[in-house]
């Protein structure tokens, strides 16, 4: 988010912080949530780069379209295993996965 937009929202009473602050999580849990969200965003980016629909992604993963949508939206019910499997199916390498997690 750009600084001017953030400043306008803060002026209207919005507060910005970390996932850890928002959810009041211990540090380890907060990192886990951030990793899952980062991987979810990457699933969407890889799918769009390959010009696939969520339905096509679901078919590749042998899953449902609603599961593919949850996968990209960071739903808590989505496992880390499914996120990684989706990224590998979409062509991510192990090295790229490592960079995604490290970021």
PDB file of N, CA and C in Angstrom:
ATOM      1  N   UNK A   1       0.855  -1.159   0.000  1.00  0.00           N
ATOM      2  CA  UNK A   1       0.000   0.000   0.000  1.00  0.00           C
ATOM      3  C   UNK A   1       0.908   1.230   0.000  1.00  0.00           C
ATOM      4  N   UNK A   2       0.544   2.211  -0.800  1.00  0.00           N
ATOM      5  CA  UNK A   2       1.393   3.411  -0.841  1.00  0.00           C
ATOM      6  C   UNK A   2       1.166   4.265   0.402  1.00  0.00           C
ATOM      7  N   UNK A   3       2.163   5.089   0.690  1.00  0.00           N
ATOM      8  CA  UNK A   3       2.166   5.868   1.938  1.00  0.00           C
ATOM      9  C   UNK A   3       1.005   6.864   2.017  1.00  0.00           C
ATOM     10  N   UNK A   4       0.645   7.492   0.893  1.00  0.00           N
ATOM     11  CA  UNK A   4      -0.433   8.494   0.943  1.00  0.00           C
ATOM     12  C   UNK A   4      -1.779   7.834   1.241  1.00  0.00           C
ATOM     13  N   UNK A   5      -2.022   6.679   0.669  1.00  0.00           N
ATOM     14  CA  UNK A   5      -3.261   5.952   0.945  1.00  0.00           C
ATOM     15  C   UNK A   5      -3.297   5.536   2.413  1.00  0.00           C
ATOM     16  N   UNK A   6      -2.169   5.034   2.915  1.00  0.00           N
ATOM     17  CA  UNK A   6      -2.111   4.630   4.314  1.00  0.00           C
ATOM     18  C   UNK A   6      -2.353   5.833   5.224  1.00  0.00           C
ATOM     19  N   UNK A   7      -1.761   6.977   4.900  1.00  0.00           N
ATOM     20  CA  UNK A   7      -1.942   8.191   5.713  1.00  0.00           C
ATOM     21  C   UNK A   7      -3.408   8.631   5.717  1.00  0.00           C
ATOM     22  N   UNK A   8      -4.070   8.567   4.553  1.00  0.00           N
ATOM     23  CA  UNK A   8      -5.488   8.945   4.490  1.00  0.00           C
ATOM     24  C   UNK A   8      -6.339   8.009   5.345  1.00  0.00           C
ATOM     25  N   UNK A   9      -6.033   6.735   5.277  1.00  0.00           N
ATOM     26  CA  UNK A   9      -6.805   5.770   6.063  1.00  0.00           C
ATOM     27  C   UNK A   9      -6.549   5.931   7.555  1.00  0.00           C
ATOM     28  N   UNK A  10      -5.305   6.185   7.914  1.00  0.00           N
ATOM     29  CA  UNK A  10      -4.994   6.416   9.329  1.00  0.00           C
ATOM     30  C   UNK A  10      -5.717   7.654   9.847  1.00  0.00           C
ATOM     31  N   UNK A  11      -5.838   8.678   8.998  1.00  0.00           N
ATOM     32  CA  UNK A  11      -6.550   9.896   9.387  1.00  0.00           C
ATOM     33  C   UNK A  11      -8.031   9.612   9.650  1.00  0.00           C
ATOM     34  N   UNK A  12      -8.563   8.558   9.025  1.00  0.00           N
ATOM     35  CA  UNK A  12      -9.960   8.180   9.218  1.00  0.00           C
ATOM     36  C   UNK A  12     -10.139   7.155  10.337  1.00  0.00           C
ATOM     37  N   UNK A  13      -9.033   6.873  11.050  1.00  0.00           N
ATOM     38  CA  UNK A  13      -9.137   5.979  12.191  1.00  0.00           C
ATOM     39  C   UNK A  13      -8.653   4.557  11.965  1.00  0.00           C
ATOM     40  N   UNK A  14      -8.191   4.243  10.777  1.00  0.00           N
ATOM     41  CA  UNK A  14      -7.676   2.904  10.510  1.00  0.00           C
ATOM     42  C   UNK A  14      -6.377   2.729  11.279  1.00  0.00           C
ATOM     43  N   UNK A  15      -6.106   1.495  11.668  1.00  0.00           N
ATOM     44  CA  UNK A  15      -4.830   1.169  12.303  1.00  0.00           C
ATOM     45  C   UNK A  15      -4.129   0.119  11.471  1.00  0.00           C
ATOM     46  N   UNK A  16      -2.819   0.229  11.383  1.00  0.00           N
ATOM     47  CA  UNK A  16      -2.022  -0.724  10.624  1.00  0.00           C
ATOM     48  C   UNK A  16      -1.032  -1.385  11.559  1.00  0.00           C
ATOM     49  N   UNK A  17      -0.806  -2.660  11.348  1.00  0.00           N
ATOM     50  CA  UNK A  17       0.130  -3.391  12.193  1.00  0.00           C
ATOM     51  C   UNK A  17       0.486  -4.716  11.557  1.00  0.00           C
ATOM     52  N   UNK A  18       1.015  -5.578  12.355  1.00  0.00           N
ATOM     53  CA  UNK A  18       1.440  -6.890  11.872  1.00  0.00           C
ATOM     54  C   UNK A  18       0.348  -7.922  12.133  1.00  0.00           C
ATOM     55  N   UNK A  19       0.502  -9.062  11.501  1.00  0.00           N
ATOM     56  CA  UNK A  19      -0.410 -10.184  11.740  1.00  0.00           C
ATOM     57  C   UNK A  19      -0.349 -10.572  13.214  1.00  0.00           C
ATOM     58  N   UNK A  20       0.855 -10.581  13.758  1.00  0.00           N
ATOM     59  CA  UNK A  20       1.061 -10.947  15.158  1.00  0.00           C
ATOM     60  C   UNK A  20       0.259 -10.037  16.089  1.00  0.00           C
ATOM     61  N   UNK A  21       0.305  -8.731  15.841  1.00  0.00           N
ATOM     62  CA  UNK A  21      -0.434  -7.775  16.665  1.00  0.00           C
ATOM     63  C   UNK A  21      -1.937  -7.949  16.496  1.00  0.00           C
ATOM     64  N   UNK A  22      -2.374  -8.113  15.249  1.00  0.00           N
ATOM     65  CA  UNK A  22      -3.804  -8.204  14.954  1.00  0.00           C
ATOM     66  C   UNK A  22      -4.433  -9.435  15.599  1.00  0.00           C
ATOM     67  N   UNK A  23      -3.752 -10.564  15.486  1.00  0.00           N
ATOM     68  CA  UNK A  23      -4.311 -11.820  15.991  1.00  0.00           C
ATOM     69  C   UNK A  23      -3.843 -12.167  17.400  1.00  0.00           C
ATOM     70  N   UNK A  24      -2.962 -11.341  17.969  1.00  0.00           N
ATOM     71  CA  UNK A  24      -2.410 -11.568  19.301  1.00  0.00           C
ATOM     72  C   UNK A  24      -1.819 -12.978  19.404  1.00  0.00           C
ATOM     73  N   UNK A  25      -0.919 -13.276  18.473  1.00  0.00           N
ATOM     74  CA  UNK A  25      -0.314 -14.599  18.393  1.00  0.00           C
ATOM     75  C   UNK A  25       1.099 -14.609  18.957  1.00  0.00           C
ATOM     76  N   UNK A  26       1.527 -15.753  19.459  1.00  0.00           N
ATOM     77  CA  UNK A  26       2.943 -15.893  19.800  1.00  0.00           C
ATOM     78  C   UNK A  26       3.779 -15.759  18.520  1.00  0.00           C
ATOM     79  N   UNK A  27       5.034 -15.379  18.653  1.00  0.00           N
ATOM     80  CA  UNK A  27       5.889 -15.102  17.492  1.00  0.00           C
ATOM     81  C   UNK A  27       5.940 -16.266  16.508  1.00  0.00           C
ATOM     82  N   UNK A  28       6.091 -17.491  16.979  1.00  0.00           N
ATOM     83  CA  UNK A  28       6.171 -18.642  16.085  1.00  0.00           C
ATOM     84  C   UNK A  28       4.909 -18.845  15.275  1.00  0.00           C
ATOM     85  N   UNK A  29       3.773 -18.663  15.907  1.00  0.00           N
ATOM     86  CA  UNK A  29       2.501 -18.810  15.202  1.00  0.00           C
ATOM     87  C   UNK A  29       2.316 -17.709  14.165  1.00  0.00           C
ATOM     88  N   UNK A  30       2.763 -16.514  14.505  1.00  0.00           N
ATOM     89  CA  UNK A  30       2.641 -15.396  13.577  1.00  0.00           C
ATOM     90  C   UNK A  30       3.466 -15.650  12.320  1.00  0.00           C
ATOM     91  N   UNK A  31       4.663 -16.179  12.479  1.00  0.00           N
ATOM     92  CA  UNK A  31       5.514 -16.488  11.323  1.00  0.00           C
ATOM     93  C   UNK A  31       4.833 -17.554  10.460  1.00  0.00           C
ATOM     94  N   UNK A  32       4.243 -18.557  11.087  1.00  0.00           N
ATOM     95  CA  UNK A  32       3.546 -19.611  10.356  1.00  0.00           C
ATOM     96  C   UNK A  32       2.413 -19.030   9.511  1.00  0.00           C
ATOM     97  N   UNK A  33       1.631 -18.136  10.101  1.00  0.00           N
ATOM     98  CA  UNK A  33       0.534 -17.498   9.372  1.00  0.00           C
ATOM     99  C   UNK A  33       1.085 -16.668   8.209  1.00  0.00           C
ATOM    100  N   UNK A  34       2.150 -15.926   8.440  1.00  0.00           N
ATOM    101  CA  UNK A  34       2.736 -15.101   7.381  1.00  0.00           C
ATOM    102  C   UNK A  34       3.267 -15.959   6.236  1.00  0.00           C
ATOM    103  N   UNK A  35       3.864 -17.107   6.550  1.00  0.00           N
ATOM    104  CA  UNK A  35       4.356 -18.016   5.502  1.00  0.00           C
ATOM    105  C   UNK A  35       3.185 -18.538   4.684  1.00  0.00           C
ATOM    106  N   UNK A  36       2.120 -18.961   5.359  1.00  0.00           N
ATOM    107  CA  UNK A  36       0.955 -19.464   4.630  1.00  0.00           C
ATOM    108  C   UNK A  36       0.350 -18.389   3.731  1.00  0.00           C
ATOM    109  N   UNK A  37       0.267 -17.160   4.233  1.00  0.00           N
ATOM    110  CA  UNK A  37      -0.282 -16.073   3.409  1.00  0.00           C
ATOM    111  C   UNK A  37       0.618 -15.777   2.217  1.00  0.00           C
ATOM    112  N   UNK A  38       1.917 -15.787   2.425  1.00  0.00           N
ATOM    113  CA  UNK A  38       2.854 -15.529   1.322  1.00  0.00           C
ATOM    114  C   UNK A  38       2.723 -16.613   0.250  1.00  0.00           C
ATOM    115  N   UNK A  39       2.609 -17.866   0.676  1.00  0.00           N
ATOM    116  CA  UNK A  39       2.461 -18.958  -0.287  1.00  0.00           C
ATOM    117  C   UNK A  39       1.125 -18.860  -1.018  1.00  0.00           C
ATOM    118  N   UNK A  40       0.075 -18.452  -0.319  1.00  0.00           N
ATOM    119  CA  UNK A  40      -1.234 -18.269  -0.962  1.00  0.00           C
ATOM    120  C   UNK A  40      -1.159 -17.217  -2.065  1.00  0.00           C
ATOM    121  N   UNK A  41      -0.480 -16.116  -1.772  1.00  0.00           N
ATOM    122  CA  UNK A  41      -0.324 -15.053  -2.773  1.00  0.00           C
ATOM    123  C   UNK A  41       0.478 -15.554  -3.971  1.00  0.00           C
ATOM    124  N   UNK A  42       1.462 -16.388  -3.710  1.00  0.00           N
ATOM    125  CA  UNK A  42       2.269 -16.923  -4.802  1.00  0.00           C
ATOM    126  C   UNK A  42       1.478 -17.902  -5.664  1.00  0.00           C
ATOM    127  N   UNK A  43       0.586 -18.664  -5.046  1.00  0.00           N
ATOM    128  CA  UNK A  43      -0.268 -19.563  -5.833  1.00  0.00           C
ATOM    129  C   UNK A  43      -1.066 -18.744  -6.843  1.00  0.00           C
ATOM    130  N   UNK A  44      -1.661 -17.658  -6.378  1.00  0.00           N
ATOM    131  CA  UNK A  44      -2.443 -16.806  -7.276  1.00  0.00           C
ATOM    132  C   UNK A  44      -1.550 -16.242  -8.391  1.00  0.00           C
ATOM    133  N   UNK A  45      -0.378 -15.764  -8.026  1.00  0.00           N
ATOM    134  CA  UNK A  45       0.525 -15.166  -9.013  1.00  0.00           C
ATOM    135  C   UNK A  45       0.949 -16.202 -10.060  1.00  0.00           C
ATOM    136  N   UNK A  46       1.285 -17.393  -9.629  1.00  0.00           N
ATOM    137  CA  UNK A  46       1.687 -18.447 -10.576  1.00  0.00           C
ATOM    138  C   UNK A  46       0.522 -18.848 -11.467  1.00  0.00           C
ATOM    139  N   UNK A  47      -0.676 -18.978 -10.859  1.00  0.00           N
ATOM    140  CA  UNK A  47      -1.853 -19.357 -11.660  1.00  0.00           C
ATOM    141  C   UNK A  47      -2.138 -18.310 -12.727  1.00  0.00           C
ATOM    142  N   UNK A  48      -2.099 -17.041 -12.330  1.00  0.00           N
ATOM    143  CA  UNK A  48      -2.375 -15.969 -13.288  1.00  0.00           C
ATOM    144  C   UNK A  48      -1.294 -15.893 -14.363  1.00  0.00           C
ATOM    145  N   UNK A  49      -0.041 -16.117 -13.985  1.00  0.00           N
ATOM    146  CA  UNK A  49       1.048 -16.094 -14.964  1.00  0.00           C
ATOM    147  C   UNK A  49       0.868 -17.192 -16.009  1.00  0.00           C
ATOM    148  N   UNK A  50       0.295 -18.313 -15.590  1.00  0.00           N
ATOM    149  CA  UNK A  50       0.031 -19.415 -16.522  1.00  0.00           C
ATOM    150  C   UNK A  50      -1.317 -19.261 -17.220  1.00  0.00           C
ATOM    151  N   UNK A  51      -2.016 -18.165 -16.913  1.00  0.00           N
ATOM    152  CA  UNK A  51      -3.319 -17.854 -17.500  1.00  0.00           C
ATOM    153  C   UNK A  51      -4.325 -18.988 -17.294  1.00  0.00           C
ATOM    154  N   UNK A  52      -4.361 -19.481 -16.068  1.00  0.00           N
ATOM    155  CA  UNK A  52      -5.316 -20.518 -15.696  1.00  0.00           C
ATOM    156  C   UNK A  52      -6.421 -19.908 -14.852  1.00  0.00           C
ATOM    157  N   UNK A  53      -7.588 -20.489 -14.920  1.00  0.00           N
ATOM    158  CA  UNK A  53      -8.676 -20.094 -14.036  1.00  0.00           C
ATOM    159  C   UNK A  53      -8.565 -20.896 -12.741  1.00  0.00           C
ATOM    160  N   UNK A  54      -9.317 -20.481 -11.743  1.00  0.00           N
ATOM    161  CA  UNK A  54      -9.331 -21.264 -10.509  1.00  0.00           C
ATOM    162  C   UNK A  54      -9.907 -22.657 -10.759  1.00  0.00           C
ATOM    163  N   UNK A  55     -10.847 -22.761 -11.666  1.00  0.00           N
ATOM    164  CA  UNK A  55     -11.413 -24.064 -12.018  1.00  0.00           C
ATOM    165  C   UNK A  55     -10.336 -24.966 -12.605  1.00  0.00           C
ATOM    166  N   UNK A  56      -9.526 -24.422 -13.500  1.00  0.00           N
ATOM    167  CA  UNK A  56      -8.447 -25.211 -14.096  1.00  0.00           C
ATOM    168  C   UNK A  56      -7.416 -25.623 -13.045  1.00  0.00           C
ATOM    169  N   UNK A  57      -7.121 -24.713 -12.118  1.00  0.00           N
ATOM    170  CA  UNK A  57      -6.209 -25.055 -11.028  1.00  0.00           C
ATOM    171  C   UNK A  57      -6.790 -26.191 -10.199  1.00  0.00           C
ATOM    172  N   UNK A  58      -8.068 -26.098  -9.881  1.00  0.00           N
ATOM    173  CA  UNK A  58      -8.721 -27.150  -9.101  1.00  0.00           C
ATOM    174  C   UNK A  58      -8.623 -28.493  -9.821  1.00  0.00           C
ATOM    175  N   UNK A  59      -8.807 -28.481 -11.125  1.00  0.00           N
ATOM    176  CA  UNK A  59      -8.707 -29.727 -11.890  1.00  0.00           C
ATOM    177  C   UNK A  59      -7.294 -30.288 -11.852  1.00  0.00           C
ATOM    178  N   UNK A  60      -6.294 -29.418 -11.969  1.00  0.00           N
ATOM    179  CA  UNK A  60      -4.897 -29.867 -11.890  1.00  0.00           C
ATOM    180  C   UNK A  60      -4.588 -30.510 -10.541  1.00  0.00           C
ATOM    181  N   UNK A  61      -5.187 -29.956  -9.493  1.00  0.00           N
ATOM    182  CA  UNK A  61      -4.933 -30.446  -8.141  1.00  0.00           C
ATOM    183  C   UNK A  61      -5.880 -31.572  -7.738  1.00  0.00           C
ATOM    184  N   UNK A  62      -6.804 -31.906  -8.637  1.00  0.00           N
ATOM    185  CA  UNK A  62      -7.850 -32.899  -8.343  1.00  0.00           C
ATOM    186  C   UNK A  62      -8.607 -32.505  -7.075  1.00  0.00           C
ATOM    187  N   UNK A  63      -9.032 -31.256  -7.085  1.00  0.00           N
ATOM    188  CA  UNK A  63      -9.729 -30.680  -5.951  1.00  0.00           C
ATOM    189  C   UNK A  63     -10.951 -29.924  -6.450  1.00  0.00           C
ATOM    190  N   UNK A  64     -11.650 -29.258  -5.548  1.00  0.00           N
ATOM    191  CA  UNK A  64     -12.845 -28.514  -5.931  1.00  0.00           C
ATOM    192  C   UNK A  64     -12.504 -27.049  -6.217  1.00  0.00           C
ATOM    193  N   UNK A  65     -13.338 -26.383  -7.019  1.00  0.00           N
ATOM    194  CA  UNK A  65     -13.117 -24.960  -7.280  1.00  0.00           C
ATOM    195  C   UNK A  65     -13.138 -24.118  -5.996  1.00  0.00           C
ATOM    196  N   UNK A  66     -13.996 -24.478  -5.047  1.00  0.00           N
ATOM    197  CA  UNK A  66     -14.036 -23.711  -3.798  1.00  0.00           C
ATOM    198  C   UNK A  66     -12.736 -23.881  -3.019  1.00  0.00           C
ATOM    199  N   UNK A  67     -12.131 -25.061  -3.105  1.00  0.00           N
ATOM    200  CA  UNK A  67     -10.849 -25.303  -2.433  1.00  0.00           C
ATOM    201  C   UNK A  67      -9.755 -24.472  -3.095  1.00  0.00           C
ATOM    202  N   UNK A  68      -9.790 -24.350  -4.414  1.00  0.00           N
ATOM    203  CA  UNK A  68      -8.806 -23.527  -5.122  1.00  0.00           C
ATOM    204  C   UNK A  68      -8.946 -22.064  -4.707  1.00  0.00           C
ATOM    205  N   UNK A  69     -10.167 -21.601  -4.546  1.00  0.00           N
ATOM    206  CA  UNK A  69     -10.390 -20.221  -4.107  1.00  0.00           C
ATOM    207  C   UNK A  69      -9.866 -20.023  -2.685  1.00  0.00           C
ATOM    208  N   UNK A  70     -10.135 -20.982  -1.810  1.00  0.00           N
ATOM    209  CA  UNK A  70      -9.634 -20.900  -0.444  1.00  0.00           C
ATOM    210  C   UNK A  70      -8.114 -20.923  -0.417  1.00  0.00           C
ATOM    211  N   UNK A  71      -7.533 -21.696  -1.306  1.00  0.00           N
ATOM    212  CA  UNK A  71      -6.080 -21.805  -1.412  1.00  0.00           C
ATOM    213  C   UNK A  71      -5.454 -20.444  -1.679  1.00  0.00           C
ATOM    214  N   UNK A  72      -6.059 -19.692  -2.573  1.00  0.00           N
ATOM    215  CA  UNK A  72      -5.520 -18.380  -2.956  1.00  0.00           C
ATOM    216  C   UNK A  72      -5.874 -17.282  -1.966  1.00  0.00           C
ATOM    217  N   UNK A  73      -6.887 -17.480  -1.171  1.00  0.00           N
ATOM    218  CA  UNK A  73      -7.341 -16.431  -0.263  1.00  0.00           C
ATOM    219  C   UNK A  73      -6.826 -16.596   1.160  1.00  0.00           C
ATOM    220  N   UNK A  74      -5.919 -17.530   1.360  1.00  0.00           N
ATOM    221  CA  UNK A  74      -5.306 -17.689   2.675  1.00  0.00           C
ATOM    222  C   UNK A  74      -6.232 -18.253   3.729  1.00  0.00           C
ATOM    223  N   UNK A  75      -7.203 -19.046   3.324  1.00  0.00           N
ATOM    224  CA  UNK A  75      -8.132 -19.638   4.280  1.00  0.00           C
ATOM    225  C   UNK A  75      -7.366 -20.522   5.269  1.00  0.00           C
ATOM    226  N   UNK A  76      -7.722 -20.415   6.530  1.00  0.00           N
ATOM    227  CA  UNK A  76      -7.022 -21.161   7.584  1.00  0.00           C
ATOM    228  C   UNK A  76      -7.157 -22.669   7.430  1.00  0.00           C
ATOM    229  N   UNK A  77      -8.202 -23.136   6.734  1.00  0.00           N
ATOM    230  CA  UNK A  77      -8.404 -24.576   6.589  1.00  0.00           C
ATOM    231  C   UNK A  77      -7.477 -25.206   5.548  1.00  0.00           C
ATOM    232  N   UNK A  78      -6.775 -24.386   4.781  1.00  0.00           N
ATOM    233  CA  UNK A  78      -5.873 -24.902   3.747  1.00  0.00           C
ATOM    234  C   UNK A  78      -4.550 -25.304   4.394  1.00  0.00           C
ATOM    235  N   UNK A  79      -4.113 -26.513   4.103  1.00  0.00           N
ATOM    236  CA  UNK A  79      -2.871 -27.004   4.702  1.00  0.00           C
ATOM    237  C   UNK A  79      -1.644 -26.471   3.971  1.00  0.00           C
ATOM    238  N   UNK A  80      -0.553 -26.450   4.690  1.00  0.00           N
ATOM    239  CA  UNK A  80       0.729 -26.067   4.105  1.00  0.00           C
ATOM    240  C   UNK A  80       1.092 -27.046   2.993  1.00  0.00           C
ATOM    241  N   UNK A  81       0.742 -28.305   3.209  1.00  0.00           N
ATOM    242  CA  UNK A  81       0.999 -29.341   2.214  1.00  0.00           C
ATOM    243  C   UNK A  81       0.311 -29.015   0.885  1.00  0.00           C
ATOM    244  N   UNK A  82      -0.947 -28.611   0.933  1.00  0.00           N
ATOM    245  CA  UNK A  82      -1.681 -28.288  -0.290  1.00  0.00           C
ATOM    246  C   UNK A  82      -1.097 -27.052  -0.977  1.00  0.00           C
ATOM    247  N   UNK A  83      -0.693 -26.056  -0.194  1.00  0.00           N
ATOM    248  CA  UNK A  83      -0.079 -24.855  -0.775  1.00  0.00           C
ATOM    249  C   UNK A  83       1.190 -25.220  -1.543  1.00  0.00           C
ATOM    250  N   UNK A  84       2.019 -26.039  -0.928  1.00  0.00           N
ATOM    251  CA  UNK A  84       3.276 -26.432  -1.574  1.00  0.00           C
ATOM    252  C   UNK A  84       3.001 -27.299  -2.791  1.00  0.00           C
ATOM    253  N   UNK A  85       2.070 -28.228  -2.663  1.00  0.00           N
ATOM    254  CA  UNK A  85       1.728 -29.083  -3.809  1.00  0.00           C
ATOM    255  C   UNK A  85       1.198 -28.258  -4.976  1.00  0.00           C
ATOM    256  N   UNK A  86       0.384 -27.249  -4.677  1.00  0.00           N
ATOM    257  CA  UNK A  86      -0.151 -26.384  -5.730  1.00  0.00           C
ATOM    258  C   UNK A  86       0.972 -25.621  -6.429  1.00  0.00           C
ATOM    259  N   UNK A  87       1.885 -25.079  -5.655  1.00  0.00           N
ATOM    260  CA  UNK A  87       2.991 -24.322  -6.256  1.00  0.00           C
ATOM    261  C   UNK A  87       3.880 -25.223  -7.115  1.00  0.00           C
ATOM    262  N   UNK A  88       4.161 -26.424  -6.640  1.00  0.00           N
ATOM    263  CA  UNK A  88       4.967 -27.357  -7.436  1.00  0.00           C
ATOM    264  C   UNK A  88       4.231 -27.758  -8.712  1.00  0.00           C
ATOM    265  N   UNK A  89       2.929 -27.970  -8.598  1.00  0.00           N
ATOM    266  CA  UNK A  89       2.109 -28.308  -9.768  1.00  0.00           C
ATOM    267  C   UNK A  89       2.123 -27.168 -10.789  1.00  0.00           C
ATOM    268  N   UNK A  90       2.167 -25.935 -10.298  1.00  0.00           N
ATOM    269  CA  UNK A  90       2.179 -24.764 -11.184  1.00  0.00           C
ATOM    270  C   UNK A  90       3.569 -24.447 -11.728  1.00  0.00           C
ATOM    271  N   UNK A  91       4.567 -25.229 -11.321  1.00  0.00           N
ATOM    272  CA  UNK A  91       5.899 -25.062 -11.902  1.00  0.00           C
ATOM    273  C   UNK A  91       6.954 -24.428 -11.021  1.00  0.00           C
ATOM    274  N   UNK A  92       6.634 -24.158  -9.773  1.00  0.00           N
ATOM    275  CA  UNK A  92       7.642 -23.588  -8.871  1.00  0.00           C
ATOM    276  C   UNK A  92       8.697 -24.646  -8.569  1.00  0.00           C
ATOM    277  N   UNK A  93       9.928 -24.196  -8.411  1.00  0.00           N
ATOM    278  CA  UNK A  93      11.009 -25.105  -8.057  1.00  0.00           C
ATOM    279  C   UNK A  93      11.195 -25.106  -6.537  1.00  0.00           C
ATOM    280  N   UNK A  94      11.966 -26.067  -6.046  1.00  0.00           N
ATOM    281  CA  UNK A  94      12.254 -26.102  -4.611  1.00  0.00           C
ATOM    282  C   UNK A  94      13.005 -24.850  -4.182  1.00  0.00           C
ATOM    283  N   UNK A  95      13.896 -24.377  -5.036  1.00  0.00           N
ATOM    284  CA  UNK A  95      14.654 -23.162  -4.725  1.00  0.00           C
ATOM    285  C   UNK A  95      13.717 -21.964  -4.623  1.00  0.00           C
ATOM    286  N   UNK A  96      12.752 -21.879  -5.544  1.00  0.00           N
ATOM    287  CA  UNK A  96      11.776 -20.771  -5.497  1.00  0.00           C
ATOM    288  C   UNK A  96      10.918 -20.865  -4.233  1.00  0.00           C
ATOM    289  N   UNK A  97      10.523 -22.091  -3.860  1.00  0.00           N
ATOM    290  CA  UNK A  97       9.758 -22.275  -2.621  1.00  0.00           C
ATOM    291  C   UNK A  97      10.546 -21.773  -1.427  1.00  0.00           C
ATOM    292  N   UNK A  98      11.822 -22.090  -1.399  1.00  0.00           N
ATOM    293  CA  UNK A  98      12.669 -21.626  -0.316  1.00  0.00           C
ATOM    294  C   UNK A  98      12.716 -20.106  -0.243  1.00  0.00           C
ATOM    295  N   UNK A  99      12.818 -19.451  -1.395  1.00  0.00           N
ATOM    296  CA  UNK A  99      12.819 -17.990  -1.430  1.00  0.00           C
ATOM    297  C   UNK A  99      11.487 -17.428  -0.961  1.00  0.00           C
ATOM    298  N   UNK A 100      10.402 -18.066  -1.357  1.00  0.00           N
ATOM    299  CA  UNK A 100       9.070 -17.599  -0.934  1.00  0.00           C
ATOM    300  C   UNK A 100       8.938 -17.664   0.581  1.00  0.00           C
ATOM    301  N   UNK A 101       9.403 -18.752   1.166  1.00  0.00           N
ATOM    302  CA  UNK A 101       9.305 -18.925   2.603  1.00  0.00           C
ATOM    303  C   UNK A 101      10.238 -17.957   3.328  1.00  0.00           C
ATOM    304  N   UNK A 102      11.433 -17.776   2.784  1.00  0.00           N
ATOM    305  CA  UNK A 102      12.422 -16.887   3.412  1.00  0.00           C
ATOM    306  C   UNK A 102      11.997 -15.432   3.382  1.00  0.00           C
ATOM    307  N   UNK A 103      11.255 -15.066   2.345  1.00  0.00           N
ATOM    308  CA  UNK A 103      10.836 -13.664   2.213  1.00  0.00           C
ATOM    309  C   UNK A 103       9.815 -13.363   3.265  1.00  0.00           C
TER     310      UNK A 103
END
